[in-house]
Every structure is written in C-alpha cells, then in structure tokens.
Amino acid sequence: MKRLAYNQLLQWKNSAVRKPLIVKGARQVGKTWLLKHFGQEQYKQVLYVNFELQKNLRNLFKQDFDTQRILLALSIATGINPEPQNTLIILDEIQEAEGGITALKYFYENAPQYHIAVAGSYLGISLHKNYSFPVGKVDFLELQPMNFKEFLWAMQQEKLSLVLEKKDWGLLDLFHPQLNEFLKQYFVVGGMPEAVQSFVKNKNFEDVRAIQKQILFAYEHDFSKHVPATQIPRIKMIWDHIPAQLSKENKKFFFAHLKKGARAKEFEVALEWLADSGLIHRIYRISKPGLPLSAYKDYKSFKVFFIDVGLLSALSDMDYRIILQDDKIFKEFKGALSEQYVLQEILQHKPYYWSAKRSKNEVDFIIQQKNNIIPIEVKSGINLKSKSLKVFCEKYHIPLGIRFSLAKHQEQDWMVNIPLYMAGMYF
C-alpha cells in the first residue's frame, strides 16, 4: 500500500541536516509497516528491533548512552552489522526501553552518519518518565490512518485520484457517482491499514467490521497499560459516548451528557489521556475569526472527534448496509460520519470551529491559510442551504466560504460548493 508519508521519509533520508526520526501515531496506523517498507526499498539493509517483543534489550540504554556500545548490542541481537548511510536502524516500541528516547540525542551528536528511525505510541513517547526529552535533536513524522486519497490508491484507482488532484471539474462531474460510491465504502472501511488491506483483498465488509472491532478492543485494553486505575472508568465513559456526542445537532462536547451531574474537572484527566494517545481529536471553538486563529481559542468549548471514520461507524454499531444503500448514511446519524471524515481530511490545517453565543448559528470548521480565514460547512446530503455559513461570512466580512456536500462543484458569489470526496485535496 502506498502512503503519503513515504515522500516525507525520502526527504528525511536525503536531508543534509537529518536527525534521528521519531514516527508518532496511535497503535495500528501502520508505523512499523511503513518504516520496514521504506527501509527495504531505500536501503541496502534494515536493522529492526522491537522492544516490546525483545524484552532482553529493554535495559540497553540504562547503563549509559555510548553509541558504539549500543550499536554493538543491536548488531549482536540482530546479526546485522549497521553500515552508515546503507542501513536503516528501526527501533520499534521505543517507549518500552527506558532511556531509549534520550539516547537519540547522543546519536545525533556523536553518530549522525547512522540513519535511525524509532516508532512508538503517543502516550509512551510523551510520558518518557525519569529521562529528558532530546528537544531539537530529533525529527518528527506523525502518521494518521489512511486518508481517502490513500484509500483510492489501495483500490487501484490512482488515475481517479489524479483527476481529483488536478481539480478537473469536467471529468469529476463525469465520475461523480463513482467517486461517491468509493466515499461510502471509505466511510465503512475507514483508514486503518489492516481493514483497508482486508477490503482490497476480499471486498468483504463483515471481515472489515470484525477487524475494526478487534482494533477497538485492543485500544480499550491499552487503557489499563498507561492509565491510572481511577481514570479507566471515566475514559471508558467518554469513549463510549463519542458517537452520541457527534450525533447531536450541536456537536459541542458536554460533560453533563456523560452522566447526571458530571463536571469538566472530573473528566479533564481522562480526556487528556485519550487526546495524548492519539485516539481522539479535540477541535476548539474560536470566539471570532481573527489572525492568528489560535489567539481566539476558547479552551472551554470544543468538539471531540474520533481517530478514524471507519472505527467510529464500528464503535456506534452502525449497520454497514445503511451506509452503502442510497444516500441514507448522509441523512442518518445527523452527518456525524461526514463531519468526522472532513475533519480527518483537513487535520493538517489545524481546524477550529465557530458558534454564535446567542443563536444556533455554527460553522463546522475554520482554517487559516497564510492571512486568509476559510470557513467550512459540511452538508450531509444535497440540501444546500447554508444559513450559518452566510451569517458568518457577512458578520465578519469573509469573502468566500467553502461547503462540502454530495453535490457537484458549484460556484456562487460568496461560496463555492465542493464534493465531499474532494475534502482532502481541495486546499
């Protein structure tokens, strides 16, 4: 499977100022596969160590950070003699090796000729207890689930993906029904590589759903590995309520909906754990669309989205047949999956949202591109009324709004309608 992050790895490999690389991401988004695949294609050899499986190596960094001693140990453990420039050294599940992250500082300073990439969970890397983090001594790559473009690649639809990239509206109109069908499939399958791979091979949605349920179970099992016992029930409560929160007309996250009398302070730590693990995304409200957007962030108001649209549909126990039949999915669940999908596609633009204090007007996402503020509305069907978006644009003198919907490309004086399947390739 092709991943967009492959090109980022190439840039890292060829950089004159290359540093040890930390690949971050939630479990099972494909970190290990990507690094191994890249190493096999771009290097003479790959030295791979998994500290979760090779428990005898977990104390490798506790004695000292002598890079030559560490390299000797890795060579003995794997039978591979690491050669500068020609070997990709992959240290997987680095959070399981005490001091492993700190050791990267010394590879940067004392052995920069070696190409080292490490992978680990968000939580394990961010916690890194009792050791300093090598600030400024490492490069980062953040891996998310496969987006719609990568899904099309996996489905052998690279030419169709190319039409999307070129924004050839004439051709896109011709293939509009076909692209909407692929989008519905993506809403079911999502972007977890194992689920995508299974669907590409067997085209069986039952198999996909079984894989998704296994991934969800594994995530819930992981809670107990890092989370204090007192927080587990609260994390589970938030986790189980995400579909219900997203199905509301007002998608702002309300703690009171978790249980009667619940308060933000009671669930703050649990919410932080889920965010730090990469399993949820918090999108904050802005009070007004000023520059920069971050200066107008309202820390008390936010929406909570899931890691992956396919996992969200599985967590909500939505029958995949509803998603695939006609356009029901865009009417059911109040557009929750459509908004989740768009969030994933524009995540790199660091979106916020806006809502009026004394009315129901709300704009789903607000992004900033250089000095331009771009409001985005997500429509879950072909009803193209955009009252909130129009109110926002008029109130703050925004020249152009974007609406993602099932309809084809249309331009108006103050707004442009973009097909949903273009969400990740329009900006």
Protein backbone atom coordinates (compact mmCIF):
# COMPACT_ATOMS: atom_id res chain seq x y z
CA MET A 1 0.00 0.00 0.00
CA LYS A 2 1.18 3.50 -0.83
CA ARG A 3 1.31 6.09 1.92
CA LEU A 4 1.73 9.82 1.52
CA ALA A 5 4.22 9.79 4.39
CA TYR A 6 6.64 7.80 2.19
CA ASN A 7 7.71 11.04 0.49
CA GLN A 8 8.34 12.63 3.89
CA LEU A 9 10.62 9.72 4.73
CA LEU A 10 12.50 10.25 1.46
CA GLN A 11 13.03 13.91 2.32
CA TRP A 12 14.29 12.89 5.75
CA LYS A 13 16.72 10.33 4.29
CA ASN A 14 18.19 12.84 1.83
CA SER A 15 18.28 15.82 4.19
CA ALA A 16 21.66 17.41 4.85
CA VAL A 17 20.51 18.19 8.39
CA ARG A 18 18.92 14.82 9.10
CA LYS A 19 18.35 13.88 12.74
CA PRO A 20 17.10 10.65 14.32
CA LEU A 21 13.44 10.33 13.38
CA ILE A 22 10.51 9.72 15.73
CA VAL A 23 7.42 8.37 13.97
CA LYS A 24 4.42 9.05 16.18
CA GLY A 25 0.92 7.74 15.85
CA ALA A 26 -1.80 5.74 17.52
CA ARG A 27 -1.45 1.98 17.53
CA GLN A 28 -2.14 0.13 14.29
CA VAL A 29 -2.00 3.12 11.94
CA GLY A 30 0.88 1.47 10.06
CA LYS A 31 4.06 2.94 11.60
CA THR A 32 6.04 -0.30 11.63
CA TRP A 33 4.94 -1.41 8.16
CA LEU A 34 5.80 1.96 6.64
CA LEU A 35 9.29 2.07 8.15
CA LYS A 36 10.08 -1.53 7.15
CA HIS A 37 8.74 -0.99 3.63
CA PHE A 38 10.73 2.22 3.27
CA GLY A 39 13.88 0.56 4.58
CA GLN A 40 13.57 -2.39 2.21
CA GLU A 41 13.18 -0.11 -0.81
CA GLN A 42 15.64 2.66 0.04
CA TYR A 43 18.47 0.96 1.96
CA LYS A 44 20.89 -1.89 1.48
CA GLN A 45 19.72 -3.47 4.75
CA VAL A 46 17.32 -2.94 7.65
CA LEU A 47 18.21 -3.50 11.31
CA TYR A 48 14.93 -3.95 13.16
CA VAL A 49 14.40 -4.26 16.90
CA ASN A 50 11.06 -4.43 18.71
CA PHE A 51 11.47 -3.61 22.41
CA GLU A 52 8.03 -4.93 23.26
CA LEU A 53 8.93 -8.37 21.93
CA GLN A 54 12.67 -8.44 22.64
CA LYS A 55 12.45 -7.89 26.36
CA ASN A 56 16.11 -8.69 26.94
CA LEU A 57 17.05 -5.45 25.18
CA ARG A 58 14.86 -3.13 27.25
CA ASN A 59 17.74 -2.21 29.58
CA LEU A 60 20.07 -1.40 26.71
CA PHE A 61 20.11 2.34 27.44
CA LYS A 62 20.14 2.24 31.26
CA GLN A 63 23.92 1.76 31.68
CA ASP A 64 24.97 4.73 29.54
CA PHE A 65 24.39 6.33 26.14
CA ASP A 66 27.61 5.18 24.49
CA THR A 67 26.51 4.93 20.84
CA GLN A 68 29.20 2.40 19.87
CA ARG A 69 28.21 0.10 22.73
CA ILE A 70 24.54 0.40 21.74
CA LEU A 71 25.29 -0.31 18.08
CA LEU A 72 27.35 -3.35 19.04
CA ALA A 73 24.49 -4.72 21.12
CA LEU A 74 21.99 -4.15 18.29
CA SER A 75 24.33 -5.90 15.87
CA ILE A 76 24.70 -8.93 18.16
CA ALA A 77 20.95 -9.11 18.76
CA THR A 78 20.01 -8.97 15.06
CA GLY A 79 23.03 -10.41 13.28
CA ILE A 80 23.20 -7.28 11.13
CA ASN A 81 26.24 -5.03 11.04
CA PRO A 82 24.91 -1.46 10.71
CA GLU A 83 26.63 0.49 7.96
CA PRO A 84 26.44 4.30 7.89
CA GLN A 85 24.19 5.55 5.05
CA ASN A 86 23.34 1.98 3.94
CA THR A 87 21.38 0.69 6.95
CA LEU A 88 18.07 1.88 8.29
CA ILE A 89 18.02 1.20 12.03
CA ILE A 90 14.43 0.82 13.22
CA LEU A 91 13.79 0.82 16.95
CA ASP A 92 10.14 -0.14 17.40
CA GLU A 93 8.01 0.32 20.55
CA ILE A 94 10.77 2.59 21.83
CA GLN A 95 8.67 3.57 24.85
CA GLU A 96 9.28 0.10 26.31
CA ALA A 97 13.06 0.72 26.56
CA GLU A 98 13.91 3.01 29.47
CA GLY A 99 16.05 5.89 28.23
CA GLY A 100 15.56 4.95 24.58
CA ILE A 101 14.26 8.36 23.52
CA THR A 102 17.06 10.19 25.36
CA ALA A 103 19.64 8.03 23.57
CA LEU A 104 18.63 9.65 20.27
CA LYS A 105 20.29 12.87 21.42
CA TYR A 106 23.66 11.12 21.57
CA PHE A 107 23.21 9.50 18.16
CA TYR A 108 22.54 12.97 16.77
CA GLU A 109 25.62 14.43 18.46
CA ASN A 110 28.10 11.53 18.25
CA ALA A 111 26.96 9.28 15.40
CA PRO A 112 24.97 11.38 12.88
CA GLN A 113 26.12 9.16 10.00
CA TYR A 114 23.67 6.45 11.10
CA HIS A 115 20.08 6.59 9.89
CA ILE A 116 17.86 5.86 12.90
CA ALA A 117 14.06 5.85 12.97
CA VAL A 118 12.02 4.97 16.04
CA ALA A 119 8.33 4.22 16.39
CA GLY A 120 6.13 4.21 19.45
CA SER A 121 2.77 5.08 20.90
CA TYR A 122 1.85 8.71 21.57
CA LEU A 123 1.48 8.05 25.27
CA GLY A 124 4.71 6.17 25.76
CA ILE A 125 6.77 8.77 23.93
CA SER A 126 5.15 11.76 25.60
CA LEU A 127 5.45 10.31 29.12
CA HIS A 128 9.07 9.12 28.91
CA LYS A 129 9.43 9.11 32.68
CA ASN A 130 12.66 9.98 34.50
CA TYR A 131 14.55 10.92 31.33
CA SER A 132 14.95 14.18 29.45
CA PHE A 133 13.46 14.56 26.00
CA PRO A 134 16.00 15.37 23.24
CA VAL A 135 14.49 18.73 22.28
CA GLY A 136 15.93 19.97 18.99
CA LYS A 137 17.89 16.74 18.46
CA VAL A 138 15.21 14.71 16.63
CA ASP A 139 12.92 14.98 13.63
CA PHE A 140 9.23 14.05 13.79
CA LEU A 141 6.76 12.39 11.47
CA GLU A 142 3.16 11.99 12.60
CA LEU A 143 1.21 9.16 10.98
CA GLN A 144 -2.58 9.15 10.86
CA PRO A 145 -4.93 6.50 9.41
CA MET A 146 -5.03 6.31 5.62
CA ASN A 147 -6.97 9.19 4.09
CA PHE A 148 -9.36 8.98 1.14
CA LYS A 149 -6.61 9.54 -1.41
CA GLU A 150 -4.58 6.66 0.04
CA PHE A 151 -7.74 4.54 0.06
CA LEU A 152 -8.20 5.21 -3.67
CA TRP A 153 -4.59 4.22 -4.26
CA ALA A 154 -5.16 0.96 -2.39
CA MET A 155 -8.27 0.33 -4.52
CA GLN A 156 -6.14 0.65 -7.68
CA GLN A 157 -7.78 3.97 -8.54
CA GLU A 158 -4.67 6.10 -8.98
CA LYS A 159 -5.94 7.66 -12.21
CA LEU A 160 -9.15 8.71 -10.49
CA SER A 161 -7.07 10.15 -7.66
CA LEU A 162 -5.07 12.10 -10.25
CA VAL A 163 -8.27 13.69 -11.58
CA LEU A 164 -9.03 14.81 -8.02
CA GLU A 165 -5.58 16.31 -7.61
CA LYS A 166 -5.89 18.26 -10.86
CA LYS A 167 -9.35 19.56 -9.87
CA ASP A 168 -10.61 18.78 -13.35
CA TRP A 169 -14.24 19.65 -12.64
CA GLY A 170 -15.44 18.44 -16.03
CA LEU A 171 -14.04 14.95 -15.55
CA LEU A 172 -15.10 14.93 -11.91
CA ASP A 173 -18.68 15.57 -12.99
CA LEU A 174 -18.48 12.51 -15.25
CA PHE A 175 -17.19 10.29 -12.44
CA HIS A 176 -19.21 11.91 -9.65
CA PRO A 177 -21.44 8.85 -8.93
CA GLN A 178 -18.43 6.51 -8.94
CA LEU A 179 -16.49 8.72 -6.54
CA ASN A 180 -19.46 8.94 -4.17
CA GLU A 181 -19.61 5.13 -4.12
CA PHE A 182 -15.93 4.92 -3.18
CA LEU A 183 -16.59 7.54 -0.48
CA LYS A 184 -19.38 5.42 1.02
CA GLN A 185 -17.02 2.43 1.06
CA TYR A 186 -14.42 4.55 2.81
CA PHE A 187 -16.98 5.57 5.44
CA VAL A 188 -17.36 1.87 6.26
CA VAL A 189 -13.77 0.70 5.87
CA GLY A 190 -12.01 3.80 7.14
CA GLY A 191 -8.26 4.20 7.05
CA MET A 192 -6.81 1.62 9.44
CA PRO A 193 -4.35 -0.23 7.18
CA GLU A 194 -5.37 -3.74 8.28
CA ALA A 195 -9.02 -3.01 7.50
CA VAL A 196 -8.15 -1.44 4.13
CA GLN A 197 -5.90 -4.34 3.19
CA SER A 198 -8.61 -6.86 4.04
CA PHE A 199 -11.20 -4.98 1.99
CA VAL A 200 -8.90 -4.65 -1.02
CA LYS A 201 -8.24 -8.39 -0.94
CA ASN A 202 -11.70 -9.80 -0.15
CA LYS A 203 -14.24 -6.95 -0.61
CA ASN A 204 -15.98 -8.34 2.47
CA PHE A 205 -17.48 -5.76 4.83
CA GLU A 206 -18.13 -8.35 7.54
CA ASP A 207 -14.41 -9.10 7.68
CA VAL A 208 -13.66 -5.38 7.84
CA ARG A 209 -16.05 -4.86 10.73
CA ALA A 210 -14.52 -7.81 12.64
CA ILE A 211 -11.05 -6.26 12.24
CA GLN A 212 -12.34 -2.88 13.41
CA LYS A 213 -13.90 -4.44 16.50
CA GLN A 214 -10.57 -6.13 17.29
CA ILE A 215 -8.76 -2.79 16.97
CA LEU A 216 -11.28 -1.10 19.26
CA PHE A 217 -10.88 -3.89 21.79
CA ALA A 218 -7.09 -3.53 21.64
CA TYR A 219 -7.37 0.21 22.26
CA GLU A 220 -9.58 -0.35 25.27
CA HIS A 221 -7.15 -2.97 26.56
CA ASP A 222 -4.33 -0.43 26.23
CA PHE A 223 -6.07 1.92 28.64
CA SER A 224 -5.01 -0.28 31.53
CA LYS A 225 -1.32 -0.21 30.49
CA HIS A 226 -0.75 3.51 30.97
CA VAL A 227 -3.79 4.93 32.70
CA PRO A 228 -4.20 5.14 36.50
CA ALA A 229 -6.90 2.72 37.64
CA THR A 230 -9.05 5.58 38.95
CA GLN A 231 -9.28 7.10 35.46
CA ILE A 232 -10.20 3.98 33.49
CA PRO A 233 -13.99 4.16 34.14
CA ARG A 234 -14.01 7.84 33.11
CA ILE A 235 -12.02 7.17 29.95
CA LYS A 236 -14.38 4.34 29.05
CA MET A 237 -17.36 6.61 29.65
CA ILE A 238 -16.00 9.29 27.30
CA TRP A 239 -15.01 6.66 24.75
CA ASP A 240 -18.45 5.06 24.66
CA HIS A 241 -20.25 8.42 24.41
CA ILE A 242 -18.34 9.85 21.43
CA PRO A 243 -20.86 8.60 18.81
CA ALA A 244 -23.77 10.04 20.79
CA GLN A 245 -22.00 13.39 21.23
CA LEU A 246 -21.29 13.61 17.50
CA SER A 247 -24.85 12.71 16.57
CA LYS A 248 -26.18 15.85 18.28
CA GLU A 249 -27.17 18.87 16.21
CA ASN A 250 -24.86 20.91 18.45
CA LYS A 251 -21.69 18.84 18.48
CA LYS A 252 -20.00 20.74 21.29
CA PHE A 253 -18.82 18.22 23.88
CA PHE A 254 -20.99 18.32 27.02
CA PHE A 255 -19.67 16.58 30.13
CA ALA A 256 -23.18 16.62 31.58
CA HIS A 257 -24.23 14.15 28.88
CA LEU A 258 -21.82 11.54 30.25
CA LYS A 259 -23.72 11.16 33.49
CA LYS A 260 -26.02 13.22 35.66
CA GLY A 261 -24.16 15.99 37.48
CA ALA A 262 -20.85 15.40 35.64
CA ARG A 263 -18.42 18.33 35.61
CA ALA A 264 -15.46 19.13 33.38
CA LYS A 265 -12.96 18.93 36.26
CA GLU A 266 -13.98 15.33 36.96
CA PHE A 267 -13.17 14.22 33.41
CA GLU A 268 -10.28 16.51 32.46
CA VAL A 269 -7.54 13.94 33.09
CA ALA A 270 -9.42 11.17 31.26
CA LEU A 271 -9.94 13.42 28.26
CA GLU A 272 -6.25 14.34 28.24
CA TRP A 273 -5.27 10.67 28.21
CA LEU A 274 -7.43 9.97 25.17
CA ALA A 275 -6.08 13.02 23.35
CA ASP A 276 -2.46 12.22 24.22
CA SER A 277 -2.93 8.66 22.94
CA GLY A 278 -4.00 9.99 19.54
CA LEU A 279 -7.38 8.27 19.76
CA ILE A 280 -9.43 11.46 19.75
CA HIS A 281 -9.10 14.94 18.29
CA ARG A 282 -10.30 18.00 20.17
CA ILE A 283 -11.38 20.85 17.92
CA TYR A 284 -11.73 24.11 19.82
CA ARG A 285 -14.16 26.95 19.30
CA ILE A 286 -12.87 30.39 18.35
CA SER A 287 -14.62 33.50 19.62
CA LYS A 288 -14.05 35.31 16.32
CA PRO A 289 -12.05 34.74 13.12
CA GLY A 290 -9.05 36.93 13.90
CA LEU A 291 -5.41 36.36 12.95
CA PRO A 292 -3.92 34.16 14.15
CA LEU A 293 -6.84 31.85 14.91
CA SER A 294 -5.02 30.40 17.92
CA ALA A 295 -5.26 33.77 19.67
CA TYR A 296 -9.06 33.46 19.79
CA LYS A 297 -9.22 29.88 21.04
CA ASP A 298 -11.95 29.14 23.59
CA TYR A 299 -10.49 26.44 25.84
CA LYS A 300 -13.85 25.73 27.48
CA SER A 301 -15.71 24.83 24.28
CA PHE A 302 -14.65 22.04 21.97
CA LYS A 303 -15.84 19.13 19.86
CA VAL A 304 -14.42 15.63 20.27
CA PHE A 305 -13.82 13.59 17.14
CA PHE A 306 -12.58 10.02 16.77
CA ILE A 307 -9.34 8.78 15.24
CA ASP A 308 -10.96 7.18 12.19
CA VAL A 309 -14.31 7.33 10.40
CA GLY A 310 -14.46 3.55 9.92
CA LEU A 311 -13.76 2.91 13.61
CA LEU A 312 -16.42 5.48 14.51
CA SER A 313 -19.03 3.61 12.48
CA ALA A 314 -17.92 0.36 14.14
CA LEU A 315 -17.99 1.88 17.64
CA SER A 316 -21.51 3.14 17.02
CA ASP A 317 -22.56 -0.33 15.80
CA MET A 318 -23.98 1.18 12.64
CA ASP A 319 -25.03 -1.45 10.09
CA TYR A 320 -22.71 -1.01 7.12
CA ARG A 321 -25.59 -1.78 4.76
CA ILE A 322 -27.21 1.51 5.79
CA ILE A 323 -24.05 3.33 4.78
CA LEU A 324 -23.86 1.67 1.38
CA GLN A 325 -27.52 1.92 0.40
CA ASP A 326 -28.59 5.06 -1.45
CA ASP A 327 -27.63 8.19 0.49
CA LYS A 328 -29.12 7.16 3.82
CA ILE A 329 -25.84 7.47 5.67
CA PHE A 330 -25.70 11.15 4.84
CA LYS A 331 -29.10 11.61 6.47
CA GLU A 332 -28.77 9.16 9.36
CA PHE A 333 -26.51 9.84 12.32
CA LYS A 334 -27.04 13.57 11.59
CA GLY A 335 -23.98 13.85 9.42
CA ALA A 336 -21.60 12.70 12.15
CA LEU A 337 -19.63 10.49 9.78
CA SER A 338 -19.44 13.22 7.14
CA GLU A 339 -18.05 15.72 9.64
CA GLN A 340 -15.65 13.11 11.07
CA TYR A 341 -14.41 12.36 7.57
CA VAL A 342 -13.84 16.03 6.69
CA LEU A 343 -12.02 16.60 9.98
CA GLN A 344 -9.58 13.80 9.14
CA GLU A 345 -9.02 15.17 5.64
CA ILE A 346 -8.23 18.73 6.83
CA LEU A 347 -6.49 17.84 10.11
CA GLN A 348 -3.12 19.07 8.85
CA HIS A 349 -4.60 22.59 8.59
CA LYS A 350 -5.27 22.70 12.36
CA PRO A 351 -9.00 23.42 12.20
CA TYR A 352 -11.19 25.21 14.74
CA TYR A 353 -14.93 25.85 14.69
CA TRP A 354 -17.15 28.84 15.39
CA SER A 355 -20.54 29.21 17.04
CA ALA A 356 -22.58 32.22 17.98
CA LYS A 357 -23.33 32.71 21.67
CA ARG A 358 -26.93 33.84 21.31
CA SER A 359 -28.12 31.85 18.32
CA LYS A 360 -27.89 28.39 16.77
CA ASN A 361 -25.51 29.56 14.04
CA GLU A 362 -22.39 27.40 13.84
CA VAL A 363 -19.67 26.91 11.25
CA ASP A 364 -18.30 23.37 11.31
CA PHE A 365 -14.63 24.20 10.71
CA ILE A 366 -12.44 27.29 10.39
CA ILE A 367 -8.93 27.07 8.98
CA GLN A 368 -6.22 29.63 8.34
CA GLN A 369 -4.11 29.67 5.19
CA LYS A 370 -1.47 32.36 5.42
CA ASN A 371 -3.54 35.52 6.03
CA ASN A 372 -6.82 34.07 4.81
CA ILE A 373 -9.60 32.80 7.07
CA ILE A 374 -11.59 29.99 5.43
CA PRO A 375 -14.93 28.90 6.92
CA ILE A 376 -16.06 25.36 6.05
CA GLU A 377 -19.52 23.88 6.25
CA VAL A 378 -20.19 20.16 5.93
CA LYS A 379 -23.53 19.13 4.50
CA SER A 380 -24.58 15.53 4.98
CA GLY A 381 -26.82 15.45 1.92
CA ILE A 382 -27.72 17.50 -1.14
CA ASN A 383 -29.71 20.14 0.76
CA LEU A 384 -27.51 23.12 0.02
CA LYS A 385 -28.99 25.74 2.33
CA SER A 386 -26.11 27.37 4.21
CA LYS A 387 -27.63 29.89 6.58
CA SER A 388 -24.93 29.70 9.28
CA LEU A 389 -22.12 29.97 6.75
CA LYS A 390 -23.74 33.02 5.12
CA VAL A 391 -24.32 34.69 8.51
CA PHE A 392 -20.67 34.12 9.43
CA CYS A 393 -19.32 35.47 6.14
CA GLU A 394 -21.50 38.58 6.32
CA LYS A 395 -20.81 39.23 10.01
CA TYR A 396 -17.03 39.04 9.67
CA HIS A 397 -16.70 40.21 6.04
CA ILE A 398 -15.23 36.92 4.85
CA PRO A 399 -15.14 36.99 1.02
CA LEU A 400 -15.50 33.25 0.40
CA GLY A 401 -16.92 30.24 2.23
CA ILE A 402 -16.46 26.56 1.42
CA ARG A 403 -19.23 23.99 1.57
CA PHE A 404 -18.54 20.26 1.27
CA SER A 405 -21.58 18.23 0.20
CA LEU A 406 -22.75 15.38 -2.03
CA ALA A 407 -23.49 17.86 -4.82
CA LYS A 408 -21.16 18.56 -7.71
CA HIS A 409 -18.84 21.56 -7.93
CA GLN A 410 -20.75 24.85 -7.94
CA GLU A 411 -19.58 28.43 -7.52
CA GLN A 412 -21.54 31.37 -6.12
CA ASP A 413 -20.52 34.94 -5.38
CA TRP A 414 -19.70 34.29 -1.73
CA MET A 415 -19.37 30.50 -1.60
CA VAL A 416 -18.10 27.50 -3.54
CA ASN A 417 -19.61 24.01 -3.19
CA ILE A 418 -17.05 21.21 -3.28
CA PRO A 419 -17.93 17.49 -3.49
CA LEU A 420 -17.20 15.68 -0.22
CA TYR A 421 -14.69 13.37 -1.88
CA MET A 422 -12.51 16.44 -2.62
CA ALA A 423 -12.16 17.49 1.03
CA GLY A 424 -8.58 16.34 1.40
CA MET A 425 -7.31 17.63 -1.94
CA TYR A 426 -9.00 20.98 -2.31
CA PHE A 427 -6.72 23.13 -0.14
